[in-house]
Amino acid sequence: MTVVKGNCYLCGNELGKTAMKNHILKEHSAKDGQECRLLKIEGAYDKNYWLYVDVPASSALSTLDSFLRKIWLECCGHMSAFRSQYEDVGMANKIGSFNMGDVLLHEYDFGSTTETLITVIGTVYRKQQRGVRLLARNVPITFSCCKCGSPAELIDTEDYDSENPFYCLKCAEKNDELYELALPVTNSPRMGVCGYTGETDTLAFVPKSR
């Protein structure tokens, strides 16, 4: 199985998912300051899509919901919910009420649902700031056009379950119906679903200039 690496948004290191967790805990966790929970976030059915974030213990789950919508999910303003062991967890619940090893399921859109797994790695500290801080994210996964093998830019939403539903722009333009219904390749487990076209703000990794 190919290991999908990710970038540390704090220092630029490129590491696998488990190595990234250890890196964050060793290199980027302060000894005091604002108390946060370090979270590992993964696509429930495709764990090649992953994030590490820290969130203030005092923040409500609604803060995390807003972040997930912005980076991975938002398309048409669908409803969403958190669950723990098949029970609903209210959006007002504080992040600090969860402890190391706790796992939450986040569901977005109760029609064409995208499910996300959230694992609490532990308690960490950082300088005082608001909201969710993105620490690491998987490197965008590349796909090849099913017709010519070039890097794919679009996914055929009518043939999503086929072995290779991906097309480059040039090949997609040869089929008017396909091109009209296709959606862009995105770095998200919601790629190709409903009307999802990508994150609402650009949260791609940009290497710092040396």
C-alpha atoms as a PDB file:
ATOM      1  CA  MET A   1       0.000   0.000   0.000  1.00  0.00           C
ATOM      2  CA  THR A   2       1.381   3.403  -0.985  1.00  0.00           C
ATOM      3  CA  VAL A   3       1.975   5.739   1.944  1.00  0.00           C
ATOM      4  CA  VAL A   4       0.495   9.146   1.204  1.00  0.00           C
ATOM      5  CA  LYS A   5       2.792  11.681   2.813  1.00  0.00           C
ATOM      6  CA  GLY A   6       1.863  15.115   4.032  1.00  0.00           C
ATOM      7  CA  ASN A   7       3.381  18.508   4.695  1.00  0.00           C
ATOM      8  CA  CYS A   8       3.926  20.046   8.100  1.00  0.00           C
ATOM      9  CA  TYR A   9       2.466  23.541   7.787  1.00  0.00           C
ATOM     10  CA  LEU A  10       4.722  24.825  10.548  1.00  0.00           C
ATOM     11  CA  CYS A  11       8.140  23.844   9.228  1.00  0.00           C
ATOM     12  CA  GLY A  12       7.639  22.262   5.807  1.00  0.00           C
ATOM     13  CA  ASN A  13       8.758  18.694   6.573  1.00  0.00           C
ATOM     14  CA  GLU A  14       7.184  16.008   4.392  1.00  0.00           C
ATOM     15  CA  LEU A  15       6.333  12.874   6.369  1.00  0.00           C
ATOM     16  CA  GLY A  16       3.914   9.961   6.512  1.00  0.00           C
ATOM     17  CA  LYS A  17       0.807  10.180   8.681  1.00  0.00           C
ATOM     18  CA  THR A  18       2.159   8.415  11.779  1.00  0.00           C
ATOM     19  CA  ALA A  19       5.583  10.046  11.515  1.00  0.00           C
ATOM     20  CA  MET A  20       3.832  13.411  11.227  1.00  0.00           C
ATOM     21  CA  LYS A  21       2.011  12.858  14.515  1.00  0.00           C
ATOM     22  CA  ASN A  22       5.285  12.106  16.273  1.00  0.00           C
ATOM     23  CA  HIS A  23       6.930  15.098  14.605  1.00  0.00           C
ATOM     24  CA  ILE A  24       4.196  17.481  15.765  1.00  0.00           C
ATOM     25  CA  LEU A  25       4.311  16.194  19.334  1.00  0.00           C
ATOM     26  CA  LYS A  26       8.103  16.408  19.482  1.00  0.00           C
ATOM     27  CA  GLU A  27       8.825  19.590  17.540  1.00  0.00           C
ATOM     28  CA  HIS A  28       5.725  21.787  17.690  1.00  0.00           C
ATOM     29  CA  SER A  29       4.037  21.303  21.055  1.00  0.00           C
ATOM     30  CA  ALA A  30       4.741  24.007  23.626  1.00  0.00           C
ATOM     31  CA  LYS A  31       5.073  23.153  27.318  1.00  0.00           C
ATOM     32  CA  ASP A  32       2.542  25.736  28.381  1.00  0.00           C
ATOM     33  CA  GLY A  33       0.140  28.313  26.986  1.00  0.00           C
ATOM     34  CA  GLN A  34      -3.286  27.769  25.477  1.00  0.00           C
ATOM     35  CA  GLU A  35      -4.607  24.266  26.160  1.00  0.00           C
ATOM     36  CA  CYS A  36      -5.682  22.459  22.981  1.00  0.00           C
ATOM     37  CA  ARG A  37      -6.608  19.012  21.746  1.00  0.00           C
ATOM     38  CA  LEU A  38      -4.465  17.608  18.958  1.00  0.00           C
ATOM     39  CA  LEU A  39      -6.769  15.888  16.449  1.00  0.00           C
ATOM     40  CA  LYS A  40      -6.101  13.465  13.616  1.00  0.00           C
ATOM     41  CA  ILE A  41      -8.792  13.829  10.951  1.00  0.00           C
ATOM     42  CA  GLU A  42      -9.262  11.267   8.155  1.00  0.00           C
ATOM     43  CA  GLY A  43     -11.725  10.376   5.453  1.00  0.00           C
ATOM     44  CA  ALA A  44     -13.777   7.541   6.959  1.00  0.00           C
ATOM     45  CA  TYR A  45     -13.562   5.471   3.757  1.00  0.00           C
ATOM     46  CA  ASP A  46     -10.353   6.831   2.258  1.00  0.00           C
ATOM     47  CA  LYS A  47      -7.737   7.517   4.903  1.00  0.00           C
ATOM     48  CA  ASN A  48      -5.286   8.807   2.312  1.00  0.00           C
ATOM     49  CA  TYR A  49      -7.013  12.131   2.979  1.00  0.00           C
ATOM     50  CA  TRP A  50      -5.810  13.306   6.370  1.00  0.00           C
ATOM     51  CA  LEU A  51      -5.191  16.361   8.515  1.00  0.00           C
ATOM     52  CA  TYR A  52      -3.682  17.216  11.883  1.00  0.00           C
ATOM     53  CA  VAL A  53      -5.073  20.222  13.700  1.00  0.00           C
ATOM     54  CA  ASP A  54      -5.038  21.657  17.177  1.00  0.00           C
ATOM     55  CA  VAL A  55      -8.175  23.231  18.616  1.00  0.00           C
ATOM     56  CA  PRO A  56      -8.562  25.179  21.873  1.00  0.00           C
ATOM     57  CA  ALA A  57     -10.111  23.063  24.619  1.00  0.00           C
ATOM     58  CA  SER A  58     -12.575  25.902  25.204  1.00  0.00           C
ATOM     59  CA  SER A  59     -13.871  25.830  21.598  1.00  0.00           C
ATOM     60  CA  ALA A  60     -17.207  24.234  20.725  1.00  0.00           C
ATOM     61  CA  LEU A  61     -17.531  21.432  18.195  1.00  0.00           C
ATOM     62  CA  SER A  62     -19.261  23.940  15.931  1.00  0.00           C
ATOM     63  CA  THR A  63     -15.830  25.567  15.446  1.00  0.00           C
ATOM     64  CA  LEU A  64     -14.442  22.280  14.140  1.00  0.00           C
ATOM     65  CA  ASP A  65     -17.538  21.781  11.967  1.00  0.00           C
ATOM     66  CA  SER A  66     -16.957  25.167  10.332  1.00  0.00           C
ATOM     67  CA  PHE A  67     -13.321  24.305   9.668  1.00  0.00           C
ATOM     68  CA  LEU A  68     -14.191  20.929   8.098  1.00  0.00           C
ATOM     69  CA  ARG A  69     -16.734  22.608   5.845  1.00  0.00           C
ATOM     70  CA  LYS A  70     -14.157  25.162   4.725  1.00  0.00           C
ATOM     71  CA  ILE A  71     -11.304  22.768   3.981  1.00  0.00           C
ATOM     72  CA  TRP A  72     -13.086  19.566   2.871  1.00  0.00           C
ATOM     73  CA  LEU A  73     -16.848  19.656   2.591  1.00  0.00           C
ATOM     74  CA  GLU A  74     -18.948  22.720   1.852  1.00  0.00           C
ATOM     75  CA  CYS A  75     -20.906  22.645  -1.385  1.00  0.00           C
ATOM     76  CA  CYS A  76     -24.595  23.441  -0.897  1.00  0.00           C
ATOM     77  CA  GLY A  77     -25.053  24.342   2.762  1.00  0.00           C
ATOM     78  CA  HIS A  78     -26.058  20.828   3.866  1.00  0.00           C
ATOM     79  CA  MET A  79     -26.677  19.874   7.476  1.00  0.00           C
ATOM     80  CA  SER A  80     -24.005  18.105   9.501  1.00  0.00           C
ATOM     81  CA  ALA A  81     -23.594  16.309  12.817  1.00  0.00           C
ATOM     82  CA  PHE A  82     -21.065  14.700  15.137  1.00  0.00           C
ATOM     83  CA  ARG A  83     -21.547  11.224  16.543  1.00  0.00           C
ATOM     84  CA  SER A  84     -19.794   9.187  19.224  1.00  0.00           C
ATOM     85  CA  GLN A  85     -20.520   5.460  19.332  1.00  0.00           C
ATOM     86  CA  TYR A  86     -23.644   6.038  17.213  1.00  0.00           C
ATOM     87  CA  GLU A  87     -25.008   8.731  19.529  1.00  0.00           C
ATOM     88  CA  ASP A  88     -25.361  12.352  18.489  1.00  0.00           C
ATOM     89  CA  VAL A  89     -22.953  14.802  20.089  1.00  0.00           C
ATOM     90  CA  GLY A  90     -24.199  18.379  20.191  1.00  0.00           C
ATOM     91  CA  MET A  91     -22.348  21.146  18.371  1.00  0.00           C
ATOM     92  CA  ALA A  92     -22.139  23.113  21.632  1.00  0.00           C
ATOM     93  CA  ASN A  93     -19.995  20.438  23.319  1.00  0.00           C
ATOM     94  CA  LYS A  94     -16.508  21.701  24.160  1.00  0.00           C
ATOM     95  CA  ILE A  95     -13.435  20.172  22.539  1.00  0.00           C
ATOM     96  CA  GLY A  96     -11.930  19.901  26.018  1.00  0.00           C
ATOM     97  CA  SER A  97     -14.588  17.387  27.064  1.00  0.00           C
ATOM     98  CA  PHE A  98     -12.876  14.760  24.871  1.00  0.00           C
ATOM     99  CA  ASN A  99      -9.756  12.871  25.905  1.00  0.00           C
ATOM    100  CA  MET A 100      -6.920  10.947  24.289  1.00  0.00           C
ATOM    101  CA  GLY A 101      -8.233   8.026  22.248  1.00  0.00           C
ATOM    102  CA  ASP A 102     -11.778   9.341  21.856  1.00  0.00           C
ATOM    103  CA  VAL A 103     -13.126   8.997  18.312  1.00  0.00           C
ATOM    104  CA  LEU A 104     -15.858  11.105  16.756  1.00  0.00           C
ATOM    105  CA  LEU A 105     -17.643  10.632  13.446  1.00  0.00           C
ATOM    106  CA  HIS A 106     -18.563  13.783  11.518  1.00  0.00           C
ATOM    107  CA  GLU A 107     -21.287  13.526   8.877  1.00  0.00           C
ATOM    108  CA  TYR A 108     -21.903  16.186   6.260  1.00  0.00           C
ATOM    109  CA  ASP A 109     -24.988  16.029   4.000  1.00  0.00           C
ATOM    110  CA  PHE A 110     -27.511  13.371   4.979  1.00  0.00           C
ATOM    111  CA  GLY A 111     -28.269  12.571   1.333  1.00  0.00           C
ATOM    112  CA  SER A 112     -24.867  12.078  -0.298  1.00  0.00           C
ATOM    113  CA  THR A 113     -23.043  11.812   3.001  1.00  0.00           C
ATOM    114  CA  THR A 114     -19.334  12.400   3.483  1.00  0.00           C
ATOM    115  CA  GLU A 115     -18.085  10.849   6.728  1.00  0.00           C
ATOM    116  CA  THR A 116     -14.958  11.962   8.559  1.00  0.00           C
ATOM    117  CA  LEU A 117     -13.201  10.248  11.481  1.00  0.00           C
ATOM    118  CA  ILE A 118     -11.721  12.446  14.196  1.00  0.00           C
ATOM    119  CA  THR A 119      -9.323  10.907  16.729  1.00  0.00           C
ATOM    120  CA  VAL A 120      -8.156  12.783  19.811  1.00  0.00           C
ATOM    121  CA  ILE A 121      -4.375  12.307  19.982  1.00  0.00           C
ATOM    122  CA  GLY A 122      -3.949  14.159  23.256  1.00  0.00           C
ATOM    123  CA  THR A 123      -3.545  17.514  24.965  1.00  0.00           C
ATOM    124  CA  VAL A 124      -1.061  20.027  23.545  1.00  0.00           C
ATOM    125  CA  TYR A 125      -0.296  23.697  24.126  1.00  0.00           C
ATOM    126  CA  ARG A 126       0.330  26.675  21.850  1.00  0.00           C
ATOM    127  CA  LYS A 127       0.515  30.446  21.928  1.00  0.00           C
ATOM    128  CA  GLN A 128      -2.887  32.058  22.460  1.00  0.00           C
ATOM    129  CA  GLN A 129      -4.893  32.300  19.237  1.00  0.00           C
ATOM    130  CA  ARG A 130      -8.423  31.756  18.013  1.00  0.00           C
ATOM    131  CA  GLY A 131      -9.924  28.774  16.263  1.00  0.00           C
ATOM    132  CA  VAL A 132      -8.573  25.682  14.557  1.00  0.00           C
ATOM    133  CA  ARG A 133      -4.914  25.676  13.528  1.00  0.00           C
ATOM    134  CA  LEU A 134      -3.997  23.487  10.561  1.00  0.00           C
ATOM    135  CA  LEU A 135      -0.751  21.671  11.401  1.00  0.00           C
ATOM    136  CA  ALA A 136      -0.394  19.150   8.575  1.00  0.00           C
ATOM    137  CA  ARG A 137      -2.234  17.871   5.523  1.00  0.00           C
ATOM    138  CA  ASN A 138      -1.750  15.082   3.026  1.00  0.00           C
ATOM    139  CA  VAL A 139       0.015  15.996  -0.201  1.00  0.00           C
ATOM    140  CA  PRO A 140      -2.639  16.237  -2.966  1.00  0.00           C
ATOM    141  CA  ILE A 141      -3.219  12.825  -4.519  1.00  0.00           C
ATOM    142  CA  THR A 142      -2.599  12.707  -8.258  1.00  0.00           C
ATOM    143  CA  PHE A 143      -4.738  10.822 -10.763  1.00  0.00           C
ATOM    144  CA  SER A 144      -4.209   9.962 -14.433  1.00  0.00           C
ATOM    145  CA  CYS A 145      -6.614  10.588 -17.289  1.00  0.00           C
ATOM    146  CA  CYS A 146      -8.342   7.346 -18.267  1.00  0.00           C
ATOM    147  CA  LYS A 147      -7.946   8.227 -21.950  1.00  0.00           C
ATOM    148  CA  CYS A 148      -4.424   9.566 -22.373  1.00  0.00           C
ATOM    149  CA  GLY A 149      -2.648   9.114 -19.053  1.00  0.00           C
ATOM    150  CA  SER A 150      -2.006  12.825 -18.523  1.00  0.00           C
ATOM    151  CA  PRO A 151      -2.553  14.346 -15.075  1.00  0.00           C
ATOM    152  CA  ALA A 152      -6.292  14.429 -14.414  1.00  0.00           C
ATOM    153  CA  GLU A 153      -8.166  17.616 -13.601  1.00  0.00           C
ATOM    154  CA  LEU A 154     -11.776  16.390 -13.649  1.00  0.00           C
ATOM    155  CA  ILE A 155     -13.804  13.456 -12.334  1.00  0.00           C
ATOM    156  CA  ASP A 156     -16.809  11.966 -14.175  1.00  0.00           C
ATOM    157  CA  THR A 157     -19.636  12.143 -11.627  1.00  0.00           C
ATOM    158  CA  GLU A 158     -21.826   9.827 -13.712  1.00  0.00           C
ATOM    159  CA  ASP A 159     -19.186   7.079 -13.643  1.00  0.00           C
ATOM    160  CA  TYR A 160     -17.758   7.713 -10.183  1.00  0.00           C
ATOM    161  CA  ASP A 161     -17.605   4.030  -9.187  1.00  0.00           C
ATOM    162  CA  SER A 162     -15.608   2.905 -12.210  1.00  0.00           C
ATOM    163  CA  GLU A 163     -11.955   1.916 -11.852  1.00  0.00           C
ATOM    164  CA  ASN A 164     -10.791   5.203 -13.340  1.00  0.00           C
ATOM    165  CA  PRO A 165     -13.364   8.022 -13.673  1.00  0.00           C
ATOM    166  CA  PHE A 166     -10.695  10.715 -14.151  1.00  0.00           C
ATOM    167  CA  TYR A 167     -10.060  12.904 -17.200  1.00  0.00           C
ATOM    168  CA  CYS A 168      -7.675  15.618 -18.235  1.00  0.00           C
ATOM    169  CA  LEU A 169      -9.333  18.805 -19.454  1.00  0.00           C
ATOM    170  CA  LYS A 170      -8.482  18.150 -23.107  1.00  0.00           C
ATOM    171  CA  CYS A 171     -10.064  14.678 -23.172  1.00  0.00           C
ATOM    172  CA  ALA A 172     -13.119  15.772 -21.173  1.00  0.00           C
ATOM    173  CA  GLU A 173     -13.847  18.579 -23.628  1.00  0.00           C
ATOM    174  CA  LYS A 174     -14.333  15.989 -26.382  1.00  0.00           C
ATOM    175  CA  ASN A 175     -17.507  14.793 -24.640  1.00  0.00           C
ATOM    176  CA  ASP A 176     -19.941  17.674 -24.052  1.00  0.00           C
ATOM    177  CA  GLU A 177     -22.184  15.776 -21.616  1.00  0.00           C
ATOM    178  CA  LEU A 178     -19.273  14.487 -19.560  1.00  0.00           C
ATOM    179  CA  TYR A 179     -17.626  17.906 -19.472  1.00  0.00           C
ATOM    180  CA  GLU A 180     -20.851  19.580 -18.336  1.00  0.00           C
ATOM    181  CA  LEU A 181     -21.349  17.160 -15.422  1.00  0.00           C
ATOM    182  CA  ALA A 182     -17.713  16.677 -14.397  1.00  0.00           C
ATOM    183  CA  LEU A 183     -16.337  18.107 -11.171  1.00  0.00           C
ATOM    184  CA  PRO A 184     -12.758  19.161 -10.414  1.00  0.00           C
ATOM    185  CA  VAL A 185     -10.196  16.903  -8.784  1.00  0.00           C
ATOM    186  CA  THR A 186      -9.812  18.144  -5.212  1.00  0.00           C
ATOM    187  CA  ASN A 187      -7.760  17.267  -2.146  1.00  0.00           C
ATOM    188  CA  SER A 188     -10.799  16.103  -0.210  1.00  0.00           C
ATOM    189  CA  PRO A 189     -12.764  12.921   0.542  1.00  0.00           C
ATOM    190  CA  ARG A 190     -15.831  14.716  -0.874  1.00  0.00           C
ATOM    191  CA  MET A 191     -14.304  14.904  -4.351  1.00  0.00           C
ATOM    192  CA  GLY A 192     -16.897  14.140  -7.034  1.00  0.00           C
ATOM    193  CA  VAL A 193     -19.887  14.286  -4.673  1.00  0.00           C
ATOM    194  CA  CYS A 194     -22.934  16.557  -5.051  1.00  0.00           C
ATOM    195  CA  GLY A 195     -21.662  19.958  -6.230  1.00  0.00           C
ATOM    196  CA  TYR A 196     -18.344  20.000  -4.391  1.00  0.00           C
ATOM    197  CA  THR A 197     -15.700  22.017  -6.244  1.00  0.00           C
ATOM    198  CA  GLY A 198     -13.008  22.475  -3.598  1.00  0.00           C
ATOM    199  CA  GLU A 199     -12.254  24.326  -0.407  1.00  0.00           C
ATOM    200  CA  THR A 200     -13.797  27.733   0.130  1.00  0.00           C
ATOM    201  CA  ASP A 201     -10.441  29.226   1.177  1.00  0.00           C
ATOM    202  CA  THR A 202      -7.076  28.148  -0.198  1.00  0.00           C
ATOM    203  CA  LEU A 203      -5.443  25.995   2.469  1.00  0.00           C
ATOM    204  CA  ALA A 204      -2.875  24.342   0.212  1.00  0.00           C
ATOM    205  CA  PHE A 205       0.683  24.017   1.461  1.00  0.00           C
ATOM    206  CA  VAL A 206       2.914  26.837   0.276  1.00  0.00           C
ATOM    207  CA  PRO A 207       6.628  26.288   1.055  1.00  0.00           C
ATOM    208  CA  LYS A 208       8.273  29.190   2.822  1.00  0.00           C
ATOM    209  CA  SER A 209      10.901  30.938   0.762  1.00  0.00           C
ATOM    210  CA  ARG A 210      14.436  30.323   2.029  1.00  0.00           C
END
